[in-house]
Amino acid sequence: MDFLKNYWPFLLLAAWFGYKWWNARRVTAQLPALRAAGATLVDVRTPAEFQAAHAPGTVNIPLAELGERLAEIPRGAPVVVGCASGSRSGMARTMLRRKGYADVHNIGAWTNFGG
């Protein structure tokens, strides 16, 4: 029990990163079906990050602008969000869900979109 008592923050952090990794792999595996269903692929990194490198077929809507640009994202199809590591896209997923988007997936790093 001393181990858990002393190291629970580290275990929690490891579990969080493990979940992020597992979820990104799961969404990446679903990507072909999501594309076939007409998914909108949104990269929420900054314009400079997007300009430096991005996956074909993705649209750049920076996280800071997402609330103002919801009209650019269709509501009737899946939405897949990505960023540099999965953190900003996690926030984007939460925002979109709160704004009424039902089918939103966080793919994690933008490189998981493929190309």
C-alpha atoms as a PDB file:
ATOM      1  CA  MET A   1       0.000   0.000   0.000  1.00  0.00           C
ATOM      2  CA  ASP A   2       2.918   2.371   0.585  1.00  0.00           C
ATOM      3  CA  PHE A   3       3.721   2.149  -3.111  1.00  0.00           C
ATOM      4  CA  LEU A   4       0.259   3.411  -4.099  1.00  0.00           C
ATOM      5  CA  LYS A   5       0.274   5.992  -1.337  1.00  0.00           C
ATOM      6  CA  ASN A   6       3.613   7.395  -2.465  1.00  0.00           C
ATOM      7  CA  TYR A   7       3.366   7.061  -6.220  1.00  0.00           C
ATOM      8  CA  TRP A   8      -0.316   7.531  -7.063  1.00  0.00           C
ATOM      9  CA  PRO A   9       0.284  10.819  -8.953  1.00  0.00           C
ATOM     10  CA  PHE A  10       2.775   9.102 -11.234  1.00  0.00           C
ATOM     11  CA  LEU A  11       0.462   6.151 -11.786  1.00  0.00           C
ATOM     12  CA  LEU A  12      -2.393   8.505 -12.612  1.00  0.00           C
ATOM     13  CA  LEU A  13      -0.215  10.394 -15.084  1.00  0.00           C
ATOM     14  CA  ALA A  14       0.913   7.146 -16.713  1.00  0.00           C
ATOM     15  CA  ALA A  15      -2.702   6.009 -16.986  1.00  0.00           C
ATOM     16  CA  TRP A  16      -3.670   9.330 -18.612  1.00  0.00           C
ATOM     17  CA  PHE A  17      -0.916   9.093 -21.227  1.00  0.00           C
ATOM     18  CA  GLY A  18      -1.761   5.446 -21.823  1.00  0.00           C
ATOM     19  CA  TYR A  19      -5.388   6.353 -22.444  1.00  0.00           C
ATOM     20  CA  LYS A  20      -4.407   9.138 -24.863  1.00  0.00           C
ATOM     21  CA  TRP A  21      -2.159   6.724 -26.772  1.00  0.00           C
ATOM     22  CA  TRP A  22      -4.810   3.978 -26.881  1.00  0.00           C
ATOM     23  CA  ASN A  23      -7.570   6.364 -27.970  1.00  0.00           C
ATOM     24  CA  ALA A  24      -5.449   7.843 -30.767  1.00  0.00           C
ATOM     25  CA  ARG A  25      -4.708   4.325 -32.080  1.00  0.00           C
ATOM     26  CA  ARG A  26      -8.433   3.469 -31.924  1.00  0.00           C
ATOM     27  CA  VAL A  27      -9.492   6.582 -33.863  1.00  0.00           C
ATOM     28  CA  THR A  28      -6.678   6.068 -36.392  1.00  0.00           C
ATOM     29  CA  ALA A  29      -8.005   2.555 -37.059  1.00  0.00           C
ATOM     30  CA  GLN A  30     -11.518   3.977 -37.537  1.00  0.00           C
ATOM     31  CA  LEU A  31     -10.323   6.751 -39.874  1.00  0.00           C
ATOM     32  CA  PRO A  32     -11.087   4.988 -43.183  1.00  0.00           C
ATOM     33  CA  ALA A  33     -14.699   4.383 -42.100  1.00  0.00           C
ATOM     34  CA  LEU A  34     -14.999   7.924 -40.746  1.00  0.00           C
ATOM     35  CA  ARG A  35     -13.699   9.333 -44.056  1.00  0.00           C
ATOM     36  CA  ALA A  36     -16.181   7.156 -45.946  1.00  0.00           C
ATOM     37  CA  ALA A  37     -18.950   8.612 -43.770  1.00  0.00           C
ATOM     38  CA  GLY A  38     -17.917  12.112 -44.863  1.00  0.00           C
ATOM     39  CA  ALA A  39     -15.942  13.137 -41.796  1.00  0.00           C
ATOM     40  CA  THR A  40     -14.549  16.634 -41.530  1.00  0.00           C
ATOM     41  CA  LEU A  41     -10.877  16.459 -40.521  1.00  0.00           C
ATOM     42  CA  VAL A  42      -9.950  19.475 -38.399  1.00  0.00           C
ATOM     43  CA  ASP A  43      -6.388  20.388 -37.403  1.00  0.00           C
ATOM     44  CA  VAL A  44      -6.606  22.759 -34.426  1.00  0.00           C
ATOM     45  CA  ARG A  45      -2.940  23.802 -34.391  1.00  0.00           C
ATOM     46  CA  THR A  46      -1.894  27.377 -35.074  1.00  0.00           C
ATOM     47  CA  PRO A  47      -1.710  28.603 -38.695  1.00  0.00           C
ATOM     48  CA  ALA A  48       2.107  28.598 -38.499  1.00  0.00           C
ATOM     49  CA  GLU A  49       2.170  24.978 -37.327  1.00  0.00           C
ATOM     50  CA  PHE A  50      -0.321  23.991 -40.025  1.00  0.00           C
ATOM     51  CA  GLN A  51       1.636  25.832 -42.737  1.00  0.00           C
ATOM     52  CA  ALA A  52       4.863  24.098 -41.727  1.00  0.00           C
ATOM     53  CA  ALA A  53       3.291  20.646 -42.233  1.00  0.00           C
ATOM     54  CA  HIS A  54      -0.173  19.136 -42.373  1.00  0.00           C
ATOM     55  CA  ALA A  55      -2.046  16.118 -43.657  1.00  0.00           C
ATOM     56  CA  PRO A  56      -3.881  16.407 -46.976  1.00  0.00           C
ATOM     57  CA  GLY A  57      -7.621  16.829 -46.626  1.00  0.00           C
ATOM     58  CA  THR A  58      -7.474  18.549 -43.244  1.00  0.00           C
ATOM     59  CA  VAL A  59      -8.849  22.001 -42.568  1.00  0.00           C
ATOM     60  CA  ASN A  60      -7.054  24.334 -40.182  1.00  0.00           C
ATOM     61  CA  ILE A  61      -9.262  25.872 -37.522  1.00  0.00           C
ATOM     62  CA  PRO A  62      -7.021  26.894 -34.623  1.00  0.00           C
ATOM     63  CA  LEU A  63      -8.400  26.044 -31.197  1.00  0.00           C
ATOM     64  CA  ALA A  64      -8.552  29.750 -30.307  1.00  0.00           C
ATOM     65  CA  GLU A  65     -10.888  30.354 -33.294  1.00  0.00           C
ATOM     66  CA  LEU A  66     -12.981  27.199 -33.063  1.00  0.00           C
ATOM     67  CA  GLY A  67     -15.936  28.761 -31.252  1.00  0.00           C
ATOM     68  CA  GLU A  68     -16.181  31.507 -33.885  1.00  0.00           C
ATOM     69  CA  ARG A  69     -15.879  29.154 -36.867  1.00  0.00           C
ATOM     70  CA  LEU A  70     -18.374  26.403 -36.011  1.00  0.00           C
ATOM     71  CA  ALA A  71     -20.340  27.146 -39.201  1.00  0.00           C
ATOM     72  CA  GLU A  72     -17.436  25.653 -41.178  1.00  0.00           C
ATOM     73  CA  ILE A  73     -17.965  22.241 -39.576  1.00  0.00           C
ATOM     74  CA  PRO A  74     -21.031  20.293 -40.760  1.00  0.00           C
ATOM     75  CA  ARG A  75     -23.140  18.858 -37.946  1.00  0.00           C
ATOM     76  CA  GLY A  76     -24.503  15.853 -39.832  1.00  0.00           C
ATOM     77  CA  ALA A  77     -21.216  14.015 -40.327  1.00  0.00           C
ATOM     78  CA  PRO A  78     -18.397  12.812 -38.081  1.00  0.00           C
ATOM     79  CA  VAL A  79     -15.698  15.274 -37.030  1.00  0.00           C
ATOM     80  CA  VAL A  80     -12.120  14.187 -36.362  1.00  0.00           C
ATOM     81  CA  VAL A  81      -9.847  16.650 -34.570  1.00  0.00           C
ATOM     82  CA  GLY A  82      -6.082  16.553 -34.233  1.00  0.00           C
ATOM     83  CA  CYS A  83      -3.207  18.778 -33.112  1.00  0.00           C
ATOM     84  CA  ALA A  84       0.443  18.286 -32.150  1.00  0.00           C
ATOM     85  CA  SER A  85      -0.030  15.911 -29.232  1.00  0.00           C
ATOM     86  CA  GLY A  86      -3.746  15.395 -28.630  1.00  0.00           C
ATOM     87  CA  SER A  87      -4.185  17.935 -25.848  1.00  0.00           C
ATOM     88  CA  ARG A  88      -5.614  20.836 -27.863  1.00  0.00           C
ATOM     89  CA  SER A  89      -7.682  18.428 -29.934  1.00  0.00           C
ATOM     90  CA  GLY A  90      -9.025  16.979 -26.686  1.00  0.00           C
ATOM     91  CA  MET A  91     -10.184  20.460 -25.715  1.00  0.00           C
ATOM     92  CA  ALA A  92     -11.654  20.915 -29.204  1.00  0.00           C
ATOM     93  CA  ARG A  93     -13.548  17.631 -28.907  1.00  0.00           C
ATOM     94  CA  THR A  94     -15.024  18.733 -25.588  1.00  0.00           C
ATOM     95  CA  MET A  95     -16.038  22.110 -27.025  1.00  0.00           C
ATOM     96  CA  LEU A  96     -17.655  20.574 -30.092  1.00  0.00           C
ATOM     97  CA  ARG A  97     -19.562  18.050 -27.985  1.00  0.00           C
ATOM     98  CA  ARG A  98     -20.859  20.883 -25.779  1.00  0.00           C
ATOM     99  CA  LYS A  99     -21.917  22.787 -28.891  1.00  0.00           C
ATOM    100  CA  GLY A 100     -24.075  19.877 -30.036  1.00  0.00           C
ATOM    101  CA  TYR A 101     -21.771  17.892 -32.317  1.00  0.00           C
ATOM    102  CA  ALA A 102     -22.604  14.274 -31.562  1.00  0.00           C
ATOM    103  CA  ASP A 103     -19.919  12.337 -33.466  1.00  0.00           C
ATOM    104  CA  VAL A 104     -16.522  13.871 -32.586  1.00  0.00           C
ATOM    105  CA  HIS A 105     -13.248  11.937 -32.397  1.00  0.00           C
ATOM    106  CA  ASN A 106      -9.817  13.002 -31.114  1.00  0.00           C
ATOM    107  CA  ILE A 107      -7.130  11.406 -33.281  1.00  0.00           C
ATOM    108  CA  GLY A 108      -4.318  12.929 -31.218  1.00  0.00           C
ATOM    109  CA  ALA A 109      -1.301  14.026 -33.246  1.00  0.00           C
ATOM    110  CA  TRP A 110      -2.015  15.462 -36.695  1.00  0.00           C
ATOM    111  CA  THR A 111       0.356  12.894 -38.202  1.00  0.00           C
ATOM    112  CA  ASN A 112      -2.234  10.215 -37.383  1.00  0.00           C
ATOM    113  CA  PHE A 113      -4.430  11.625 -40.175  1.00  0.00           C
ATOM    114  CA  GLY A 114      -1.985  10.026 -42.605  1.00  0.00           C
ATOM    115  CA  GLY A 115      -1.439  11.318 -46.049  1.00  0.00           C
END
